[in-house]
Amino acid sequence: MSVKTDTEVIIGGKVFTLSGYESEEYLQKVASYINNKMAEYNKVDSFRRQPVDMQNVLLHLNIADDYFKAKKQISLLEEELQGKEKELYNLKHELIAAQIKLENTEKNIKGLQKEVNESAKKIVRLETELKK
């Protein structure tokens, strides 16, 4: 089991202690994400004119929107990965079937070459008998 981490971070100019089983770097990254979202919205005049509770709701909505978009992207990528895995599986089976066919063809060629050699020997033997 992982060790619980307590990390002090700064969010919106205030110091908070975050606790979790994630690394300190991860917790700092989360705080940085929130700070970047706050900074992004604080650049917008109409956002700054809203009451603080409305600003918080808008910020929460935006973060939830980012979350759902990321979740949808993950779902699409997982579907694409499954398609690629299925395609790879089919290609591997086609390759195996082609290799088996090649091996059988090579065996057949060897058998036919052996027959040709035996026929050539037989022709030479028969020609020799004819000459006698």
N, C-alpha and C. Protein backbone atom coordinates (compact mmCIF):
# COMPACT_ATOMS: atom_id res chain seq x y z
N MET A 1 0.84 -1.18 0.00
CA MET A 1 0.00 0.00 0.00
C MET A 1 0.88 1.24 0.00
N SER A 2 0.48 2.27 -0.70
CA SER A 2 1.24 3.50 -0.79
C SER A 2 1.16 4.28 0.51
N VAL A 3 2.13 5.14 0.69
CA VAL A 3 2.17 6.00 1.87
C VAL A 3 1.39 7.26 1.56
N LYS A 4 0.60 7.72 2.53
CA LYS A 4 -0.19 8.92 2.35
C LYS A 4 0.75 10.13 2.36
N THR A 5 0.51 11.03 1.41
CA THR A 5 1.35 12.21 1.26
C THR A 5 0.59 13.46 1.68
N ASP A 6 1.21 14.28 2.48
CA ASP A 6 0.67 15.60 2.83
C ASP A 6 1.56 16.63 2.16
N THR A 7 0.95 17.49 1.36
CA THR A 7 1.72 18.47 0.59
C THR A 7 1.06 19.83 0.68
N GLU A 8 1.87 20.83 0.94
CA GLU A 8 1.35 22.19 0.93
C GLU A 8 1.41 22.73 -0.49
N VAL A 9 0.26 23.29 -0.93
CA VAL A 9 0.18 23.87 -2.26
C VAL A 9 -0.43 25.26 -2.13
N ILE A 10 -0.23 26.06 -3.15
CA ILE A 10 -0.83 27.39 -3.18
C ILE A 10 -1.88 27.39 -4.29
N ILE A 11 -3.12 27.71 -3.90
CA ILE A 11 -4.21 27.80 -4.86
C ILE A 11 -4.88 29.15 -4.64
N GLY A 12 -4.90 29.95 -5.66
CA GLY A 12 -5.51 31.27 -5.57
C GLY A 12 -4.86 32.17 -4.54
N GLY A 13 -3.57 31.98 -4.35
CA GLY A 13 -2.82 32.81 -3.41
C GLY A 13 -2.92 32.35 -1.96
N LYS A 14 -3.63 31.27 -1.70
CA LYS A 14 -3.77 30.74 -0.34
C LYS A 14 -3.07 29.40 -0.24
N VAL A 15 -2.52 29.11 0.94
CA VAL A 15 -1.82 27.85 1.17
C VAL A 15 -2.82 26.81 1.67
N PHE A 16 -2.81 25.66 1.02
CA PHE A 16 -3.65 24.54 1.42
C PHE A 16 -2.76 23.32 1.61
N THR A 17 -3.18 22.44 2.51
CA THR A 17 -2.48 21.16 2.67
C THR A 17 -3.35 20.10 2.01
N LEU A 18 -2.80 19.49 0.96
CA LEU A 18 -3.50 18.40 0.28
C LEU A 18 -2.94 17.08 0.79
N SER A 19 -3.83 16.12 0.99
CA SER A 19 -3.41 14.79 1.44
C SER A 19 -3.93 13.76 0.44
N GLY A 20 -3.11 12.78 0.18
CA GLY A 20 -3.52 11.72 -0.72
C GLY A 20 -2.42 10.70 -0.88
N TYR A 21 -2.74 9.66 -1.62
CA TYR A 21 -1.77 8.58 -1.85
C TYR A 21 -0.96 8.82 -3.12
N GLU A 22 -1.20 9.94 -3.77
CA GLU A 22 -0.45 10.31 -4.95
C GLU A 22 0.85 10.99 -4.53
N SER A 23 1.74 11.16 -5.50
CA SER A 23 3.02 11.79 -5.21
C SER A 23 2.83 13.30 -4.98
N GLU A 24 3.83 13.89 -4.35
CA GLU A 24 3.80 15.35 -4.14
C GLU A 24 3.76 16.08 -5.47
N GLU A 25 4.50 15.57 -6.47
CA GLU A 25 4.51 16.19 -7.79
C GLU A 25 3.11 16.20 -8.40
N TYR A 26 2.39 15.10 -8.23
CA TYR A 26 1.04 15.02 -8.77
C TYR A 26 0.13 16.03 -8.09
N LEU A 27 0.20 16.12 -6.78
CA LEU A 27 -0.65 17.07 -6.05
C LEU A 27 -0.31 18.51 -6.44
N GLN A 28 0.96 18.80 -6.67
CA GLN A 28 1.36 20.13 -7.14
C GLN A 28 0.82 20.38 -8.54
N LYS A 29 0.81 19.36 -9.36
CA LYS A 29 0.29 19.48 -10.72
C LYS A 29 -1.20 19.79 -10.69
N VAL A 30 -1.95 19.16 -9.81
CA VAL A 30 -3.39 19.43 -9.66
C VAL A 30 -3.60 20.88 -9.24
N ALA A 31 -2.83 21.33 -8.26
CA ALA A 31 -2.95 22.71 -7.80
C ALA A 31 -2.59 23.68 -8.93
N SER A 32 -1.59 23.35 -9.70
CA SER A 32 -1.18 24.19 -10.82
C SER A 32 -2.29 24.27 -11.87
N TYR A 33 -2.95 23.16 -12.13
CA TYR A 33 -4.07 23.14 -13.08
C TYR A 33 -5.17 24.10 -12.62
N ILE A 34 -5.52 24.02 -11.35
CA ILE A 34 -6.57 24.89 -10.82
C ILE A 34 -6.13 26.35 -10.89
N ASN A 35 -4.90 26.62 -10.54
CA ASN A 35 -4.39 28.01 -10.62
C ASN A 35 -4.42 28.53 -12.05
N ASN A 36 -4.06 27.68 -13.02
CA ASN A 36 -4.09 28.10 -14.42
C ASN A 36 -5.51 28.39 -14.87
N LYS A 37 -6.48 27.56 -14.44
CA LYS A 37 -7.89 27.81 -14.79
C LYS A 37 -8.36 29.14 -14.18
N MET A 38 -7.99 29.37 -12.94
CA MET A 38 -8.38 30.61 -12.27
C MET A 38 -7.77 31.81 -12.99
N ALA A 39 -6.51 31.71 -13.35
CA ALA A 39 -5.83 32.81 -14.04
C ALA A 39 -6.46 33.05 -15.41
N GLU A 40 -6.80 31.96 -16.11
CA GLU A 40 -7.43 32.07 -17.43
C GLU A 40 -8.75 32.84 -17.34
N TYR A 41 -9.55 32.49 -16.35
CA TYR A 41 -10.85 33.15 -16.22
C TYR A 41 -10.75 34.55 -15.63
N ASN A 42 -9.76 34.78 -14.78
CA ASN A 42 -9.59 36.12 -14.21
C ASN A 42 -9.16 37.15 -15.25
N LYS A 43 -8.71 36.68 -16.41
CA LYS A 43 -8.37 37.60 -17.50
C LYS A 43 -9.63 38.13 -18.19
N VAL A 44 -10.75 37.46 -18.00
CA VAL A 44 -12.01 37.84 -18.67
C VAL A 44 -12.77 38.83 -17.79
N ASP A 45 -13.02 40.00 -18.33
CA ASP A 45 -13.70 41.06 -17.59
C ASP A 45 -15.05 40.63 -17.05
N SER A 46 -15.87 40.01 -17.90
CA SER A 46 -17.22 39.62 -17.48
C SER A 46 -17.19 38.60 -16.34
N PHE A 47 -16.15 37.77 -16.30
CA PHE A 47 -16.01 36.80 -15.21
C PHE A 47 -15.70 37.51 -13.91
N ARG A 48 -14.78 38.45 -13.96
CA ARG A 48 -14.36 39.18 -12.74
C ARG A 48 -15.51 39.99 -12.15
N ARG A 49 -16.46 40.42 -12.98
CA ARG A 49 -17.59 41.22 -12.49
C ARG A 49 -18.65 40.38 -11.81
N GLN A 50 -18.56 39.07 -11.95
CA GLN A 50 -19.53 38.18 -11.32
C GLN A 50 -19.26 38.08 -9.82
N PRO A 51 -20.30 37.80 -9.03
CA PRO A 51 -20.07 37.55 -7.60
C PRO A 51 -19.16 36.33 -7.42
N VAL A 52 -18.47 36.25 -6.32
CA VAL A 52 -17.50 35.18 -6.08
C VAL A 52 -18.15 33.81 -6.15
N ASP A 53 -19.37 33.66 -5.62
CA ASP A 53 -20.01 32.35 -5.69
C ASP A 53 -20.30 31.95 -7.13
N MET A 54 -20.67 32.91 -7.97
CA MET A 54 -20.90 32.63 -9.39
C MET A 54 -19.58 32.28 -10.08
N GLN A 55 -18.50 32.98 -9.72
CA GLN A 55 -17.18 32.68 -10.28
C GLN A 55 -16.79 31.23 -9.96
N ASN A 56 -17.05 30.84 -8.71
CA ASN A 56 -16.72 29.46 -8.30
C ASN A 56 -17.54 28.44 -9.09
N VAL A 57 -18.82 28.71 -9.28
CA VAL A 57 -19.67 27.79 -10.04
C VAL A 57 -19.17 27.69 -11.48
N LEU A 58 -18.86 28.83 -12.08
CA LEU A 58 -18.35 28.82 -13.46
C LEU A 58 -17.04 28.06 -13.56
N LEU A 59 -16.18 28.26 -12.59
CA LEU A 59 -14.90 27.54 -12.57
C LEU A 59 -15.13 26.03 -12.42
N HIS A 60 -16.05 25.65 -11.53
CA HIS A 60 -16.37 24.23 -11.35
C HIS A 60 -16.94 23.64 -12.64
N LEU A 61 -17.83 24.38 -13.29
CA LEU A 61 -18.42 23.91 -14.55
C LEU A 61 -17.35 23.70 -15.61
N ASN A 62 -16.41 24.65 -15.68
CA ASN A 62 -15.36 24.53 -16.68
C ASN A 62 -14.46 23.33 -16.41
N ILE A 63 -14.13 23.12 -15.15
CA ILE A 63 -13.29 21.96 -14.79
C ILE A 63 -14.04 20.66 -15.08
N ALA A 64 -15.35 20.62 -14.76
CA ALA A 64 -16.15 19.43 -15.06
C ALA A 64 -16.21 19.20 -16.57
N ASP A 65 -16.33 20.27 -17.35
CA ASP A 65 -16.35 20.17 -18.80
C ASP A 65 -15.03 19.56 -19.30
N ASP A 66 -13.91 20.06 -18.78
CA ASP A 66 -12.60 19.49 -19.15
C ASP A 66 -12.55 18.00 -18.81
N TYR A 67 -13.07 17.64 -17.65
CA TYR A 67 -13.07 16.25 -17.21
C TYR A 67 -13.86 15.37 -18.17
N PHE A 68 -15.09 15.79 -18.50
CA PHE A 68 -15.93 14.97 -19.37
C PHE A 68 -15.37 14.89 -20.79
N LYS A 69 -14.76 15.96 -21.27
CA LYS A 69 -14.13 15.91 -22.59
C LYS A 69 -12.95 14.94 -22.58
N ALA A 70 -12.16 14.99 -21.52
CA ALA A 70 -11.01 14.07 -21.41
C ALA A 70 -11.50 12.63 -21.31
N LYS A 71 -12.56 12.42 -20.55
CA LYS A 71 -13.12 11.07 -20.40
C LYS A 71 -13.63 10.55 -21.74
N LYS A 72 -14.29 11.42 -22.52
CA LYS A 72 -14.78 11.02 -23.84
C LYS A 72 -13.61 10.69 -24.76
N GLN A 73 -12.55 11.51 -24.71
CA GLN A 73 -11.37 11.28 -25.54
C GLN A 73 -10.73 9.93 -25.18
N ILE A 74 -10.69 9.63 -23.91
CA ILE A 74 -10.14 8.34 -23.47
C ILE A 74 -10.97 7.20 -24.03
N SER A 75 -12.30 7.36 -23.97
CA SER A 75 -13.19 6.33 -24.49
C SER A 75 -12.96 6.12 -25.99
N LEU A 76 -12.83 7.22 -26.74
CA LEU A 76 -12.58 7.11 -28.18
C LEU A 76 -11.24 6.43 -28.45
N LEU A 77 -10.23 6.79 -27.68
CA LEU A 77 -8.91 6.19 -27.87
C LEU A 77 -8.92 4.70 -27.50
N GLU A 78 -9.69 4.34 -26.47
CA GLU A 78 -9.79 2.93 -26.10
C GLU A 78 -10.48 2.13 -27.20
N GLU A 79 -11.54 2.72 -27.81
CA GLU A 79 -12.21 2.05 -28.92
C GLU A 79 -11.26 1.88 -30.10
N GLU A 80 -10.50 2.93 -30.37
CA GLU A 80 -9.53 2.86 -31.47
C GLU A 80 -8.48 1.80 -31.19
N LEU A 81 -8.03 1.74 -29.94
CA LEU A 81 -7.04 0.74 -29.55
C LEU A 81 -7.60 -0.67 -29.72
N GLN A 82 -8.86 -0.88 -29.32
CA GLN A 82 -9.47 -2.20 -29.49
C GLN A 82 -9.55 -2.56 -30.96
N GLY A 83 -9.89 -1.59 -31.80
CA GLY A 83 -9.94 -1.84 -33.24
C GLY A 83 -8.57 -2.22 -33.78
N LYS A 84 -7.55 -1.50 -33.34
CA LYS A 84 -6.18 -1.80 -33.78
C LYS A 84 -5.74 -3.17 -33.29
N GLU A 85 -6.10 -3.50 -32.04
CA GLU A 85 -5.72 -4.81 -31.50
C GLU A 85 -6.41 -5.93 -32.29
N LYS A 86 -7.69 -5.71 -32.64
CA LYS A 86 -8.41 -6.72 -33.43
C LYS A 86 -7.78 -6.86 -34.81
N GLU A 87 -7.43 -5.72 -35.41
CA GLU A 87 -6.78 -5.74 -36.73
C GLU A 87 -5.44 -6.47 -36.65
N LEU A 88 -4.67 -6.19 -35.60
CA LEU A 88 -3.38 -6.85 -35.41
C LEU A 88 -3.57 -8.35 -35.22
N TYR A 89 -4.58 -8.73 -34.44
CA TYR A 89 -4.89 -10.14 -34.22
C TYR A 89 -5.20 -10.82 -35.55
N ASN A 90 -6.04 -10.18 -36.36
CA ASN A 90 -6.40 -10.74 -37.67
C ASN A 90 -5.18 -10.84 -38.59
N LEU A 91 -4.34 -9.82 -38.57
CA LEU A 91 -3.13 -9.84 -39.41
C LEU A 91 -2.18 -10.95 -38.98
N LYS A 92 -2.06 -11.16 -37.66
CA LYS A 92 -1.20 -12.24 -37.18
C LYS A 92 -1.71 -13.59 -37.65
N HIS A 93 -3.04 -13.75 -37.60
CA HIS A 93 -3.61 -15.03 -38.06
C HIS A 93 -3.42 -15.19 -39.57
N GLU A 94 -3.57 -14.12 -40.31
CA GLU A 94 -3.32 -14.19 -41.76
C GLU A 94 -1.87 -14.55 -42.03
N LEU A 95 -0.96 -13.96 -41.26
CA LEU A 95 0.47 -14.25 -41.41
C LEU A 95 0.75 -15.72 -41.12
N ILE A 96 0.17 -16.23 -40.04
CA ILE A 96 0.38 -17.64 -39.69
C ILE A 96 -0.16 -18.54 -40.79
N ALA A 97 -1.36 -18.21 -41.30
CA ALA A 97 -1.95 -19.01 -42.38
C ALA A 97 -1.06 -18.96 -43.62
N ALA A 98 -0.53 -17.78 -43.93
CA ALA A 98 0.36 -17.64 -45.10
C ALA A 98 1.65 -18.43 -44.89
N GLN A 99 2.18 -18.42 -43.67
CA GLN A 99 3.40 -19.18 -43.38
C GLN A 99 3.16 -20.67 -43.53
N ILE A 100 2.02 -21.13 -43.05
CA ILE A 100 1.68 -22.55 -43.18
C ILE A 100 1.55 -22.91 -44.65
N LYS A 101 0.87 -22.05 -45.40
CA LYS A 101 0.71 -22.29 -46.84
C LYS A 101 2.08 -22.32 -47.53
N LEU A 102 2.95 -21.41 -47.16
CA LEU A 102 4.30 -21.36 -47.73
C LEU A 102 5.07 -22.64 -47.41
N GLU A 103 5.00 -23.08 -46.15
CA GLU A 103 5.69 -24.31 -45.77
C GLU A 103 5.16 -25.51 -46.57
N ASN A 104 3.84 -25.57 -46.72
CA ASN A 104 3.26 -26.67 -47.50
C ASN A 104 3.68 -26.58 -48.96
N THR A 105 3.72 -25.40 -49.50
CA THR A 105 4.15 -25.22 -50.90
C THR A 105 5.62 -25.61 -51.06
N GLU A 106 6.45 -25.22 -50.08
CA GLU A 106 7.87 -25.58 -50.14
C GLU A 106 8.04 -27.10 -50.07
N LYS A 107 7.24 -27.76 -49.21
CA LYS A 107 7.30 -29.22 -49.13
C LYS A 107 6.87 -29.83 -50.47
N ASN A 108 5.82 -29.28 -51.04
CA ASN A 108 5.33 -29.76 -52.33
C ASN A 108 6.39 -29.58 -53.40
N ILE A 109 7.06 -28.43 -53.41
CA ILE A 109 8.13 -28.15 -54.39
C ILE A 109 9.26 -29.16 -54.21
N LYS A 110 9.65 -29.42 -52.97
CA LYS A 110 10.72 -30.39 -52.73
C LYS A 110 10.32 -31.77 -53.24
N GLY A 111 9.06 -32.13 -52.99
CA GLY A 111 8.58 -33.42 -53.48
C GLY A 111 8.60 -33.48 -55.00
N LEU A 112 8.16 -32.39 -55.65
CA LEU A 112 8.16 -32.35 -57.11
C LEU A 112 9.59 -32.35 -57.66
N GLN A 113 10.51 -31.64 -56.97
CA GLN A 113 11.90 -31.64 -57.41
C GLN A 113 12.48 -33.05 -57.30
N LYS A 114 12.11 -33.75 -56.25
CA LYS A 114 12.59 -35.12 -56.07
C LYS A 114 12.06 -36.00 -57.22
N GLU A 115 10.78 -35.80 -57.57
CA GLU A 115 10.20 -36.56 -58.68
C GLU A 115 10.91 -36.23 -59.99
N VAL A 116 11.21 -34.94 -60.22
CA VAL A 116 11.90 -34.51 -61.44
C VAL A 116 13.28 -35.17 -61.49
N ASN A 117 13.99 -35.17 -60.39
CA ASN A 117 15.33 -35.78 -60.33
C ASN A 117 15.25 -37.28 -60.61
N GLU A 118 14.26 -37.93 -59.99
CA GLU A 118 14.10 -39.36 -60.22
C GLU A 118 13.73 -39.64 -61.68
N SER A 119 12.88 -38.79 -62.26
CA SER A 119 12.49 -38.95 -63.67
C SER A 119 13.70 -38.73 -64.58
N ALA A 120 14.52 -37.73 -64.24
CA ALA A 120 15.73 -37.47 -65.04
C ALA A 120 16.66 -38.67 -64.98
N LYS A 121 16.82 -39.24 -63.78
CA LYS A 121 17.67 -40.43 -63.63
C LYS A 121 17.11 -41.59 -64.46
N LYS A 122 15.78 -41.72 -64.41
CA LYS A 122 15.13 -42.80 -65.15
C LYS A 122 15.34 -42.61 -66.66
N ILE A 123 15.23 -41.33 -67.12
CA ILE A 123 15.44 -41.04 -68.54
C ILE A 123 16.86 -41.39 -68.94
N VAL A 124 17.84 -40.99 -68.13
CA VAL A 124 19.24 -41.30 -68.42
C VAL A 124 19.42 -42.81 -68.46
N ARG A 125 18.86 -43.53 -67.51
CA ARG A 125 19.00 -44.98 -67.46
C ARG A 125 18.36 -45.61 -68.69
N LEU A 126 17.16 -45.14 -69.06
CA LEU A 126 16.49 -45.69 -70.24
C LEU A 126 17.25 -45.37 -71.53
N GLU A 127 17.79 -44.14 -71.63
CA GLU A 127 18.59 -43.78 -72.81
C GLU A 127 19.84 -44.64 -72.90
N THR A 128 20.42 -44.92 -71.75
CA THR A 128 21.61 -45.76 -71.71
C THR A 128 21.25 -47.18 -72.16
N GLU A 129 20.12 -47.67 -71.71
CA GLU A 129 19.70 -49.01 -72.12
C GLU A 129 19.40 -49.05 -73.61
N LEU A 130 18.81 -47.97 -74.15
CA LEU A 130 18.52 -47.92 -75.58
C LEU A 130 19.80 -47.94 -76.42
N LYS A 131 20.83 -47.27 -75.93
CA LYS A 131 22.07 -47.21 -76.66
C LYS A 131 22.81 -48.57 -76.65
N LYS A 132 22.52 -49.38 -75.70
CA LYS A 132 23.21 -50.68 -75.61
C LYS A 132 22.63 -51.60 -76.58
